[in-house]
Amino acid sequence: MALAAKLKQFRTAKRKSLQDVADEVGASKAHIWDLETGRAKNPSIDLLTKLSRCFDVSVAELIGENPEGEAEDSQLVAMYRDLKHLSPDDRKAIQSMMDHFRKRES
């Protein structure tokens, strides 16, 4: 799940307004809105840390990089675990294929 969707999910679960979150993390309401709608895509690590504290989750959970997170697709987690057992050359080959697929979708 993308950062924008995670932010909205955590914010609504905590029943916080955009202004509540903005005040708590020291950002503008407009910036939080831009992050939540995907208009802003690269928040600083400092802001991510503050947001994770605001929602009582890890940064990994916030950005969707926690394979143990409850919202993660179990098939993707299994694939990730399988990747750890491949050789560096095999991982490189898979990375090339993923890059190719991403370019095709753009």
PDB file of N, CA and C in Angstrom:
ATOM      1  N   MET A   1       0.851  -1.171   0.000  1.00  0.00           N
ATOM      2  CA  MET A   1       0.000   0.000   0.000  1.00  0.00           C
ATOM      3  C   MET A   1       0.900   1.239   0.000  1.00  0.00           C
ATOM      4  N   ALA A   2       0.537   2.206  -0.786  1.00  0.00           N
ATOM      5  CA  ALA A   2       1.332   3.422  -0.930  1.00  0.00           C
ATOM      6  C   ALA A   2       1.262   4.289   0.332  1.00  0.00           C
ATOM      7  N   LEU A   3       2.276   5.136   0.477  1.00  0.00           N
ATOM      8  CA  LEU A   3       2.346   6.027   1.632  1.00  0.00           C
ATOM      9  C   LEU A   3       1.064   6.850   1.770  1.00  0.00           C
ATOM     10  N   ALA A   4       0.567   7.391   0.672  1.00  0.00           N
ATOM     11  CA  ALA A   4      -0.637   8.229   0.725  1.00  0.00           C
ATOM     12  C   ALA A   4      -1.799   7.471   1.356  1.00  0.00           C
ATOM     13  N   ALA A   5      -2.015   6.261   0.917  1.00  0.00           N
ATOM     14  CA  ALA A   5      -3.120   5.457   1.450  1.00  0.00           C
ATOM     15  C   ALA A   5      -2.887   5.098   2.909  1.00  0.00           C
ATOM     16  N   LYS A   6      -1.640   4.798   3.254  1.00  0.00           N
ATOM     17  CA  LYS A   6      -1.317   4.466   4.649  1.00  0.00           C
ATOM     18  C   LYS A   6      -1.587   5.659   5.561  1.00  0.00           C
ATOM     19  N   LEU A   7      -1.180   6.850   5.125  1.00  0.00           N
ATOM     20  CA  LEU A   7      -1.405   8.042   5.943  1.00  0.00           C
ATOM     21  C   LEU A   7      -2.885   8.237   6.233  1.00  0.00           C
ATOM     22  N   LYS A   8      -3.682   8.130   5.188  1.00  0.00           N
ATOM     23  CA  LYS A   8      -5.120   8.324   5.386  1.00  0.00           C
ATOM     24  C   LYS A   8      -5.692   7.228   6.278  1.00  0.00           C
ATOM     25  N   GLN A   9      -5.266   5.995   6.061  1.00  0.00           N
ATOM     26  CA  GLN A   9      -5.744   4.879   6.871  1.00  0.00           C
ATOM     27  C   GLN A   9      -5.416   5.098   8.346  1.00  0.00           C
ATOM     28  N   PHE A  10      -4.169   5.445   8.639  1.00  0.00           N
ATOM     29  CA  PHE A  10      -3.766   5.642  10.034  1.00  0.00           C
ATOM     30  C   PHE A  10      -4.438   6.872  10.637  1.00  0.00           C
ATOM     31  N   ARG A  11      -4.556   7.936   9.860  1.00  0.00           N
ATOM     32  CA  ARG A  11      -5.168   9.161  10.376  1.00  0.00           C
ATOM     33  C   ARG A  11      -6.633   8.932  10.727  1.00  0.00           C
ATOM     34  N   THR A  12      -7.355   8.284   9.833  1.00  0.00           N
ATOM     35  CA  THR A  12      -8.781   8.052  10.114  1.00  0.00           C
ATOM     36  C   THR A  12      -8.963   7.042  11.246  1.00  0.00           C
ATOM     37  N   ALA A  13      -8.073   6.049  11.328  1.00  0.00           N
ATOM     38  CA  ALA A  13      -8.168   5.074  12.421  1.00  0.00           C
ATOM     39  C   ALA A  13      -7.958   5.745  13.774  1.00  0.00           C
ATOM     40  N   LYS A  14      -7.086   6.744  13.797  1.00  0.00           N
ATOM     41  CA  LYS A  14      -6.822   7.477  15.046  1.00  0.00           C
ATOM     42  C   LYS A  14      -7.822   8.612  15.264  1.00  0.00           C
ATOM     43  N   ARG A  15      -8.722   8.793  14.285  1.00  0.00           N
ATOM     44  CA  ARG A  15      -9.743   9.847  14.343  1.00  0.00           C
ATOM     45  C   ARG A  15      -9.125  11.230  14.526  1.00  0.00           C
ATOM     46  N   LYS A  16      -8.090  11.468  13.735  1.00  0.00           N
ATOM     47  CA  LYS A  16      -7.417  12.762  13.763  1.00  0.00           C
ATOM     48  C   LYS A  16      -7.746  13.512  12.477  1.00  0.00           C
ATOM     49  N   SER A  17      -7.881  14.816  12.598  1.00  0.00           N
ATOM     50  CA  SER A  17      -8.088  15.645  11.414  1.00  0.00           C
ATOM     51  C   SER A  17      -6.733  15.928  10.772  1.00  0.00           C
ATOM     52  N   LEU A  18      -6.771  16.432   9.553  1.00  0.00           N
ATOM     53  CA  LEU A  18      -5.525  16.845   8.898  1.00  0.00           C
ATOM     54  C   LEU A  18      -4.803  17.876   9.757  1.00  0.00           C
ATOM     55  N   GLN A  19      -5.576  18.800  10.343  1.00  0.00           N
ATOM     56  CA  GLN A  19      -4.973  19.839  11.176  1.00  0.00           C
ATOM     57  C   GLN A  19      -4.353  19.253  12.432  1.00  0.00           C
ATOM     58  N   ASP A  20      -5.002  18.253  13.026  1.00  0.00           N
ATOM     59  CA  ASP A  20      -4.441  17.597  14.210  1.00  0.00           C
ATOM     60  C   ASP A  20      -3.069  17.010  13.897  1.00  0.00           C
ATOM     61  N   VAL A  21      -2.988  16.299  12.778  1.00  0.00           N
ATOM     62  CA  VAL A  21      -1.723  15.672  12.378  1.00  0.00           C
ATOM     63  C   VAL A  21      -0.682  16.736  12.081  1.00  0.00           C
ATOM     64  N   ALA A  22      -1.077  17.748  11.323  1.00  0.00           N
ATOM     65  CA  ALA A  22      -0.148  18.827  10.967  1.00  0.00           C
ATOM     66  C   ALA A  22       0.423  19.490  12.210  1.00  0.00           C
ATOM     67  N   ASP A  23      -0.433  19.794  13.168  1.00  0.00           N
ATOM     68  CA  ASP A  23       0.022  20.429  14.413  1.00  0.00           C
ATOM     69  C   ASP A  23       0.979  19.518  15.182  1.00  0.00           C
ATOM     70  N   GLU A  24       0.658  18.234  15.218  1.00  0.00           N
ATOM     71  CA  GLU A  24       1.470  17.299  15.991  1.00  0.00           C
ATOM     72  C   GLU A  24       2.861  17.090  15.391  1.00  0.00           C
ATOM     73  N   VAL A  25       2.954  17.131  14.063  1.00  0.00           N
ATOM     74  CA  VAL A  25       4.250  16.863  13.419  1.00  0.00           C
ATOM     75  C   VAL A  25       4.980  18.134  12.994  1.00  0.00           C
ATOM     76  N   GLY A  26       4.341  19.275  13.171  1.00  0.00           N
ATOM     77  CA  GLY A  26       4.989  20.531  12.825  1.00  0.00           C
ATOM     78  C   GLY A  26       5.045  20.797  11.327  1.00  0.00           C
ATOM     79  N   ALA A  27       4.006  20.394  10.628  1.00  0.00           N
ATOM     80  CA  ALA A  27       3.921  20.633   9.179  1.00  0.00           C
ATOM     81  C   ALA A  27       2.632  21.400   8.897  1.00  0.00           C
ATOM     82  N   SER A  28       2.485  21.852   7.675  1.00  0.00           N
ATOM     83  CA  SER A  28       1.253  22.540   7.323  1.00  0.00           C
ATOM     84  C   SER A  28       0.167  21.525   6.979  1.00  0.00           C
ATOM     85  N   LYS A  29      -1.066  21.936   7.160  1.00  0.00           N
ATOM     86  CA  LYS A  29      -2.202  21.094   6.808  1.00  0.00           C
ATOM     87  C   LYS A  29      -2.150  20.767   5.313  1.00  0.00           C
ATOM     88  N   ALA A  30      -1.759  21.754   4.515  1.00  0.00           N
ATOM     89  CA  ALA A  30      -1.675  21.554   3.060  1.00  0.00           C
ATOM     90  C   ALA A  30      -0.637  20.493   2.708  1.00  0.00           C
ATOM     91  N   HIS A  31       0.478  20.479   3.424  1.00  0.00           N
ATOM     92  CA  HIS A  31       1.519  19.485   3.133  1.00  0.00           C
ATOM     93  C   HIS A  31       1.047  18.077   3.504  1.00  0.00           C
ATOM     94  N   ILE A  32       0.371  17.955   4.627  1.00  0.00           N
ATOM     95  CA  ILE A  32      -0.169  16.646   5.019  1.00  0.00           C
ATOM     96  C   ILE A  32      -1.192  16.192   3.977  1.00  0.00           C
ATOM     97  N   TRP A  33      -2.024  17.105   3.520  1.00  0.00           N
ATOM     98  CA  TRP A  33      -3.013  16.788   2.478  1.00  0.00           C
ATOM     99  C   TRP A  33      -2.308  16.335   1.200  1.00  0.00           C
ATOM    100  N   ASP A  34      -1.261  17.041   0.815  1.00  0.00           N
ATOM    101  CA  ASP A  34      -0.509  16.661  -0.388  1.00  0.00           C
ATOM    102  C   ASP A  34       0.111  15.273  -0.246  1.00  0.00           C
ATOM    103  N   LEU A  35       0.604  14.947   0.930  1.00  0.00           N
ATOM    104  CA  LEU A  35       1.152  13.605   1.164  1.00  0.00           C
ATOM    105  C   LEU A  35       0.055  12.552   1.099  1.00  0.00           C
ATOM    106  N   GLU A  36      -1.088  12.876   1.681  1.00  0.00           N
ATOM    107  CA  GLU A  36      -2.195  11.924   1.749  1.00  0.00           C
ATOM    108  C   GLU A  36      -2.839  11.694   0.384  1.00  0.00           C
ATOM    109  N   THR A  37      -2.761  12.661  -0.484  1.00  0.00           N
ATOM    110  CA  THR A  37      -3.356  12.508  -1.816  1.00  0.00           C
ATOM    111  C   THR A  37      -2.335  12.077  -2.859  1.00  0.00           C
ATOM    112  N   GLY A  38      -1.070  11.957  -2.448  1.00  0.00           N
ATOM    113  CA  GLY A  38      -0.033  11.512  -3.375  1.00  0.00           C
ATOM    114  C   GLY A  38       0.584  12.616  -4.202  1.00  0.00           C
ATOM    115  N   ARG A  39       0.194  13.861  -3.968  1.00  0.00           N
ATOM    116  CA  ARG A  39       0.796  14.983  -4.715  1.00  0.00           C
ATOM    117  C   ARG A  39       2.241  15.218  -4.291  1.00  0.00           C
ATOM    118  N   ALA A  40       2.525  15.048  -3.003  1.00  0.00           N
ATOM    119  CA  ALA A  40       3.894  15.120  -2.483  1.00  0.00           C
ATOM    120  C   ALA A  40       4.315  13.681  -2.221  1.00  0.00           C
ATOM    121  N   LYS A  41       5.464  13.293  -2.728  1.00  0.00           N
ATOM    122  CA  LYS A  41       5.839  11.885  -2.676  1.00  0.00           C
ATOM    123  C   LYS A  41       7.094  11.575  -1.888  1.00  0.00           C
ATOM    124  N   ASN A  42       7.889  12.556  -1.546  1.00  0.00           N
ATOM    125  CA  ASN A  42       9.172  12.287  -0.896  1.00  0.00           C
ATOM    126  C   ASN A  42       9.349  13.075   0.395  1.00  0.00           C
ATOM    127  N   PRO A  43       8.625  12.698   1.451  1.00  0.00           N
ATOM    128  CA  PRO A  43       8.812  13.406   2.713  1.00  0.00           C
ATOM    129  C   PRO A  43      10.180  13.093   3.305  1.00  0.00           C
ATOM    130  N   SER A  44      10.680  14.000   4.096  1.00  0.00           N
ATOM    131  CA  SER A  44      11.968  13.785   4.744  1.00  0.00           C
ATOM    132  C   SER A  44      11.855  12.660   5.769  1.00  0.00           C
ATOM    133  N   ILE A  45      12.985  12.085   6.112  1.00  0.00           N
ATOM    134  CA  ILE A  45      12.992  11.035   7.135  1.00  0.00           C
ATOM    135  C   ILE A  45      12.544  11.611   8.477  1.00  0.00           C
ATOM    136  N   ASP A  46      12.855  12.878   8.714  1.00  0.00           N
ATOM    137  CA  ASP A  46      12.414  13.532   9.939  1.00  0.00           C
ATOM    138  C   ASP A  46      10.886  13.575   9.998  1.00  0.00           C
ATOM    139  N   LEU A  47      10.254  13.958   8.894  1.00  0.00           N
ATOM    140  CA  LEU A  47       8.792  14.019   8.863  1.00  0.00           C
ATOM    141  C   LEU A  47       8.195  12.614   8.976  1.00  0.00           C
ATOM    142  N   LEU A  48       8.786  11.638   8.296  1.00  0.00           N
ATOM    143  CA  LEU A  48       8.293  10.260   8.405  1.00  0.00           C
ATOM    144  C   LEU A  48       8.372   9.762   9.849  1.00  0.00           C
ATOM    145  N   THR A  49       9.453  10.108  10.525  1.00  0.00           N
ATOM    146  CA  THR A  49       9.612   9.709  11.925  1.00  0.00           C
ATOM    147  C   THR A  49       8.526  10.345  12.788  1.00  0.00           C
ATOM    148  N   LYS A  50       8.281  11.628  12.581  1.00  0.00           N
ATOM    149  CA  LYS A  50       7.237  12.317  13.350  1.00  0.00           C
ATOM    150  C   LYS A  50       5.856  11.739  13.056  1.00  0.00           C
ATOM    151  N   LEU A  51       5.589  11.429  11.786  1.00  0.00           N
ATOM    152  CA  LEU A  51       4.301  10.836  11.422  1.00  0.00           C
ATOM    153  C   LEU A  51       4.140   9.452  12.047  1.00  0.00           C
ATOM    154  N   SER A  52       5.213   8.673  12.038  1.00  0.00           N
ATOM    155  CA  SER A  52       5.117   7.330  12.633  1.00  0.00           C
ATOM    156  C   SER A  52       4.826   7.427  14.130  1.00  0.00           C
ATOM    157  N   ARG A  53       5.426   8.398  14.803  1.00  0.00           N
ATOM    158  CA  ARG A  53       5.142   8.605  16.231  1.00  0.00           C
ATOM    159  C   ARG A  53       3.700   9.061  16.439  1.00  0.00           C
ATOM    160  N   CYS A  54       3.244   9.934  15.558  1.00  0.00           N
ATOM    161  CA  CYS A  54       1.880  10.449  15.632  1.00  0.00           C
ATOM    162  C   CYS A  54       0.861   9.312  15.552  1.00  0.00           C
ATOM    163  N   PHE A  55       1.154   8.310  14.729  1.00  0.00           N
ATOM    164  CA  PHE A  55       0.218   7.204  14.527  1.00  0.00           C
ATOM    165  C   PHE A  55       0.585   5.944  15.319  1.00  0.00           C
ATOM    166  N   ASP A  56       1.651   6.018  16.101  1.00  0.00           N
ATOM    167  CA  ASP A  56       2.106   4.883  16.913  1.00  0.00           C
ATOM    168  C   ASP A  56       2.407   3.644  16.061  1.00  0.00           C
ATOM    169  N   VAL A  57       3.101   3.857  14.954  1.00  0.00           N
ATOM    170  CA  VAL A  57       3.538   2.754  14.090  1.00  0.00           C
ATOM    171  C   VAL A  57       5.009   2.972  13.757  1.00  0.00           C
ATOM    172  N   SER A  58       5.650   1.946  13.240  1.00  0.00           N
ATOM    173  CA  SER A  58       7.043   2.103  12.819  1.00  0.00           C
ATOM    174  C   SER A  58       7.093   2.829  11.473  1.00  0.00           C
ATOM    175  N   VAL A  59       8.241   3.390  11.159  1.00  0.00           N
ATOM    176  CA  VAL A  59       8.421   4.020   9.853  1.00  0.00           C
ATOM    177  C   VAL A  59       8.227   2.970   8.756  1.00  0.00           C
ATOM    178  N   ALA A  60       8.735   1.763   8.987  1.00  0.00           N
ATOM    179  CA  ALA A  60       8.583   0.680   8.004  1.00  0.00           C
ATOM    180  C   ALA A  60       7.111   0.399   7.728  1.00  0.00           C
ATOM    181  N   GLU A  61       6.306   0.381   8.773  1.00  0.00           N
ATOM    182  CA  GLU A  61       4.868   0.146   8.602  1.00  0.00           C
ATOM    183  C   GLU A  61       4.230   1.308   7.849  1.00  0.00           C
ATOM    184  N   LEU A  62       4.650   2.520   8.165  1.00  0.00           N
ATOM    185  CA  LEU A  62       4.093   3.710   7.525  1.00  0.00           C
ATOM    186  C   LEU A  62       4.361   3.730   6.031  1.00  0.00           C
ATOM    187  N   ILE A  63       5.556   3.353   5.627  1.00  0.00           N
ATOM    188  CA  ILE A  63       5.894   3.420   4.205  1.00  0.00           C
ATOM    189  C   ILE A  63       5.627   2.114   3.461  1.00  0.00           C
ATOM    190  N   GLY A  64       5.062   1.139   4.166  1.00  0.00           N
ATOM    191  CA  GLY A  64       4.695  -0.105   3.508  1.00  0.00           C
ATOM    192  C   GLY A  64       5.853  -1.039   3.255  1.00  0.00           C
ATOM    193  N   GLU A  65       6.880  -0.960   4.081  1.00  0.00           N
ATOM    194  CA  GLU A  65       8.056  -1.809   3.914  1.00  0.00           C
ATOM    195  C   GLU A  65       8.196  -2.832   5.032  1.00  0.00           C
ATOM    196  N   ASN A  66       7.132  -3.069   5.756  1.00  0.00           N
ATOM    197  CA  ASN A  66       7.185  -4.016   6.863  1.00  0.00           C
ATOM    198  C   ASN A  66       6.530  -5.326   6.426  1.00  0.00           C
ATOM    199  N   PRO A  67       7.332  -6.339   6.098  1.00  0.00           N
ATOM    200  CA  PRO A  67       6.731  -7.595   5.635  1.00  0.00           C
ATOM    201  C   PRO A  67       5.893  -8.287   6.704  1.00  0.00           C
ATOM    202  N   GLU A  68       6.045  -7.889   7.944  1.00  0.00           N
ATOM    203  CA  GLU A  68       5.256  -8.490   9.021  1.00  0.00           C
ATOM    204  C   GLU A  68       3.965  -7.720   9.283  1.00  0.00           C
ATOM    205  N   GLY A  69       3.748  -6.619   8.557  1.00  0.00           N
ATOM    206  CA  GLY A  69       2.548  -5.807   8.759  1.00  0.00           C
ATOM    207  C   GLY A  69       1.283  -6.576   8.415  1.00  0.00           C
ATOM    208  N   GLU A  70       0.213  -6.272   9.146  1.00  0.00           N
ATOM    209  CA  GLU A  70      -1.019  -7.030   8.963  1.00  0.00           C
ATOM    210  C   GLU A  70      -1.677  -6.796   7.617  1.00  0.00           C
ATOM    211  N   ALA A  71      -1.390  -5.690   6.947  1.00  0.00           N
ATOM    212  CA  ALA A  71      -2.028  -5.396   5.664  1.00  0.00           C
ATOM    213  C   ALA A  71      -1.236  -5.945   4.475  1.00  0.00           C
ATOM    214  N   GLU A  72      -0.128  -6.605   4.735  1.00  0.00           N
ATOM    215  CA  GLU A  72       0.716  -7.088   3.642  1.00  0.00           C
ATOM    216  C   GLU A  72       0.156  -8.363   3.017  1.00  0.00           C
ATOM    217  N   ASP A  73       0.291  -8.449   1.704  1.00  0.00           N
ATOM    218  CA  ASP A  73      -0.147  -9.612   0.927  1.00  0.00           C
ATOM    219  C   ASP A  73       0.771 -10.792   1.250  1.00  0.00           C
ATOM    220  N   SER A  74       0.189 -11.880   1.734  1.00  0.00           N
ATOM    221  CA  SER A  74       1.002 -13.022   2.159  1.00  0.00           C
ATOM    222  C   SER A  74       1.803 -13.627   1.009  1.00  0.00           C
ATOM    223  N   GLN A  75       1.285 -13.576  -0.194  1.00  0.00           N
ATOM    224  CA  GLN A  75       2.023 -14.102  -1.349  1.00  0.00           C
ATOM    225  C   GLN A  75       3.268 -13.259  -1.621  1.00  0.00           C
ATOM    226  N   LEU A  76       3.155 -11.942  -1.498  1.00  0.00           N
ATOM    227  CA  LEU A  76       4.308 -11.069  -1.705  1.00  0.00           C
ATOM    228  C   LEU A  76       5.356 -11.276  -0.613  1.00  0.00           C
ATOM    229  N   VAL A  77       4.897 -11.480   0.605  1.00  0.00           N
ATOM    230  CA  VAL A  77       5.831 -11.728   1.706  1.00  0.00           C
ATOM    231  C   VAL A  77       6.589 -13.028   1.462  1.00  0.00           C
ATOM    232  N   ALA A  78       5.886 -14.055   0.986  1.00  0.00           N
ATOM    233  CA  ALA A  78       6.542 -15.331   0.686  1.00  0.00           C
ATOM    234  C   ALA A  78       7.568 -15.160  -0.436  1.00  0.00           C
ATOM    235  N   MET A  79       7.229 -14.369  -1.443  1.00  0.00           N
ATOM    236  CA  MET A  79       8.176 -14.118  -2.539  1.00  0.00           C
ATOM    237  C   MET A  79       9.415 -13.394  -2.012  1.00  0.00           C
ATOM    238  N   TYR A  80       9.199 -12.422  -1.139  1.00  0.00           N
ATOM    239  CA  TYR A  80      10.316 -11.690  -0.548  1.00  0.00           C
ATOM    240  C   TYR A  80      11.239 -12.643   0.207  1.00  0.00           C
ATOM    241  N   ARG A  81      10.650 -13.513   0.986  1.00  0.00           N
ATOM    242  CA  ARG A  81      11.467 -14.468   1.751  1.00  0.00           C
ATOM    243  C   ARG A  81      12.256 -15.384   0.822  1.00  0.00           C
ATOM    244  N   ASP A  82      11.643 -15.794  -0.287  1.00  0.00           N
ATOM    245  CA  ASP A  82      12.345 -16.643  -1.258  1.00  0.00           C
ATOM    246  C   ASP A  82      13.521 -15.900  -1.886  1.00  0.00           C
ATOM    247  N   LEU A  83      13.368 -14.603  -2.109  1.00  0.00           N
ATOM    248  CA  LEU A  83      14.447 -13.814  -2.718  1.00  0.00           C
ATOM    249  C   LEU A  83      15.710 -13.831  -1.863  1.00  0.00           C
ATOM    250  N   LYS A  84      15.542 -13.893  -0.560  1.00  0.00           N
ATOM    251  CA  LYS A  84      16.695 -13.870   0.337  1.00  0.00           C
ATOM    252  C   LYS A  84      17.607 -15.070   0.142  1.00  0.00           C
ATOM    253  N   HIS A  85      17.082 -16.125  -0.437  1.00  0.00           N
ATOM    254  CA  HIS A  85      17.869 -17.347  -0.607  1.00  0.00           C
ATOM    255  C   HIS A  85      18.529 -17.446  -1.985  1.00  0.00           C
ATOM    256  N   LEU A  86      18.305 -16.451  -2.827  1.00  0.00           N
ATOM    257  CA  LEU A  86      18.892 -16.471  -4.167  1.00  0.00           C
ATOM    258  C   LEU A  86      20.289 -15.862  -4.159  1.00  0.00           C
ATOM    259  N   SER A  87      21.042 -16.203  -5.169  1.00  0.00           N
ATOM    260  CA  SER A  87      22.381 -15.631  -5.310  1.00  0.00           C
ATOM    261  C   SER A  87      22.267 -14.159  -5.708  1.00  0.00           C
ATOM    262  N   PRO A  88      23.321 -13.386  -5.476  1.00  0.00           N
ATOM    263  CA  PRO A  88      23.302 -11.983  -5.897  1.00  0.00           C
ATOM    264  C   PRO A  88      23.036 -11.823  -7.398  1.00  0.00           C
ATOM    265  N   ASP A  89      23.570 -12.712  -8.223  1.00  0.00           N
ATOM    266  CA  ASP A  89      23.327 -12.625  -9.664  1.00  0.00           C
ATOM    267  C   ASP A  89      21.856 -12.881 -10.004  1.00  0.00           C
ATOM    268  N   ASP A  90      21.253 -13.845  -9.324  1.00  0.00           N
ATOM    269  CA  ASP A  90      19.834 -14.129  -9.556  1.00  0.00           C
ATOM    270  C   ASP A  90      18.967 -12.951  -9.110  1.00  0.00           C
ATOM    271  N   ARG A  91      19.316 -12.331  -7.999  1.00  0.00           N
ATOM    272  CA  ARG A  91      18.572 -11.154  -7.532  1.00  0.00           C
ATOM    273  C   ARG A  91      18.691 -10.008  -8.534  1.00  0.00           C
ATOM    274  N   LYS A  92      19.868  -9.855  -9.080  1.00  0.00           N
ATOM    275  CA  LYS A  92      20.098  -8.804 -10.071  1.00  0.00           C
ATOM    276  C   LYS A  92      19.229  -9.041 -11.306  1.00  0.00           C
ATOM    277  N   ALA A  93      19.131 -10.301 -11.729  1.00  0.00           N
ATOM    278  CA  ALA A  93      18.305 -10.640 -12.893  1.00  0.00           C
ATOM    279  C   ALA A  93      16.830 -10.329 -12.618  1.00  0.00           C
ATOM    280  N   ILE A  94      16.372 -10.671 -11.427  1.00  0.00           N
ATOM    281  CA  ILE A  94      14.978 -10.395 -11.062  1.00  0.00           C
ATOM    282  C   ILE A  94      14.749  -8.891 -10.981  1.00  0.00           C
ATOM    283  N   GLN A  95      15.710  -8.147 -10.444  1.00  0.00           N
ATOM    284  CA  GLN A  95      15.583  -6.693 -10.372  1.00  0.00           C
ATOM    285  C   GLN A  95      15.464  -6.098 -11.770  1.00  0.00           C
ATOM    286  N   SER A  96      16.226  -6.609 -12.719  1.00  0.00           N
ATOM    287  CA  SER A  96      16.151  -6.138 -14.105  1.00  0.00           C
ATOM    288  C   SER A  96      14.767  -6.389 -14.692  1.00  0.00           C
ATOM    289  N   MET A  97      14.211  -7.558 -14.402  1.00  0.00           N
ATOM    290  CA  MET A  97      12.861  -7.862 -14.901  1.00  0.00           C
ATOM    291  C   MET A  97      11.827  -6.923 -14.275  1.00  0.00           C
ATOM    292  N   MET A  98      11.950  -6.660 -12.977  1.00  0.00           N
ATOM    293  CA  MET A  98      11.010  -5.758 -12.312  1.00  0.00           C
ATOM    294  C   MET A  98      11.124  -4.347 -12.888  1.00  0.00           C
ATOM    295  N   ASP A  99      12.346  -3.896 -13.139  1.00  0.00           N
ATOM    296  CA  ASP A  99      12.546  -2.577 -13.740  1.00  0.00           C
ATOM    297  C   ASP A  99      11.876  -2.510 -15.106  1.00  0.00           C
ATOM    298  N   HIS A 100      12.015  -3.577 -15.885  1.00  0.00           N
ATOM    299  CA  HIS A 100      11.397  -3.652 -17.209  1.00  0.00           C
ATOM    300  C   HIS A 100       9.878  -3.539 -17.108  1.00  0.00           C
ATOM    301  N   PHE A 101       9.267  -4.274 -16.170  1.00  0.00           N
ATOM    302  CA  PHE A 101       7.817  -4.246 -16.002  1.00  0.00           C
ATOM    303  C   PHE A 101       7.340  -2.865 -15.555  1.00  0.00           C
ATOM    304  N   ARG A 102       8.090  -2.222 -14.658  1.00  0.00           N
ATOM    305  CA  ARG A 102       7.704  -0.881 -14.198  1.00  0.00           C
ATOM    306  C   ARG A 102       7.728   0.115 -15.334  1.00  0.00           C
ATOM    307  N   LYS A 103       8.742   0.047 -16.191  1.00  0.00           N
ATOM    308  CA  LYS A 103       8.838   0.959 -17.337  1.00  0.00           C
ATOM    309  C   LYS A 103       7.685   0.728 -18.297  1.00  0.00           C
ATOM    310  N   ARG A 104       7.291  -0.508 -18.461  1.00  0.00           N
ATOM    311  CA  ARG A 104       6.195  -0.852 -19.363  1.00  0.00           C
ATOM    312  C   ARG A 104       4.887  -0.252 -18.875  1.00  0.00           C
ATOM    313  N   GLU A 105       4.695  -0.184 -17.550  1.00  0.00           N
ATOM    314  CA  GLU A 105       3.453   0.343 -16.978  1.00  0.00           C
ATOM    315  C   GLU A 105       3.386   1.849 -17.039  1.00  0.00           C
ATOM    316  N   SER A 106       4.510   2.530 -17.133  1.00  0.00           N
ATOM    317  CA  SER A 106       4.528   4.004 -17.107  1.00  0.00           C
ATOM    318  C   SER A 106       4.011   4.607 -18.382  1.00  0.00           C
TER     319      SER A 106
END
